């Protein structure tokens, strides 16, 4: 783990974050209208995470975004994908 800390400063490399999201269709519509750019959520491990709303475009449904999702990152902590867990 010490090696990972050296590579990215004082923060360990994040591989994934699990979040439960309940975003209504109307709230996500604000993203498409340019009014919202960032989502803030609490991960299942208690961390408060902030990520671009645009990464959710592939998981939005007719009723909005509801469920538990795994957000994956690469070795440089860049977004690598999102998948529905339930």
Foldseek 3Di string as FASTA:
>chain_A
DVVQCVVQPNDHFDFKFKFFDDAFPVRLVCVVVVNDFKDWTATPVGDIDIDGSVLCPVQADPGGHGAMKMFGADSNRHTDHMDGPD
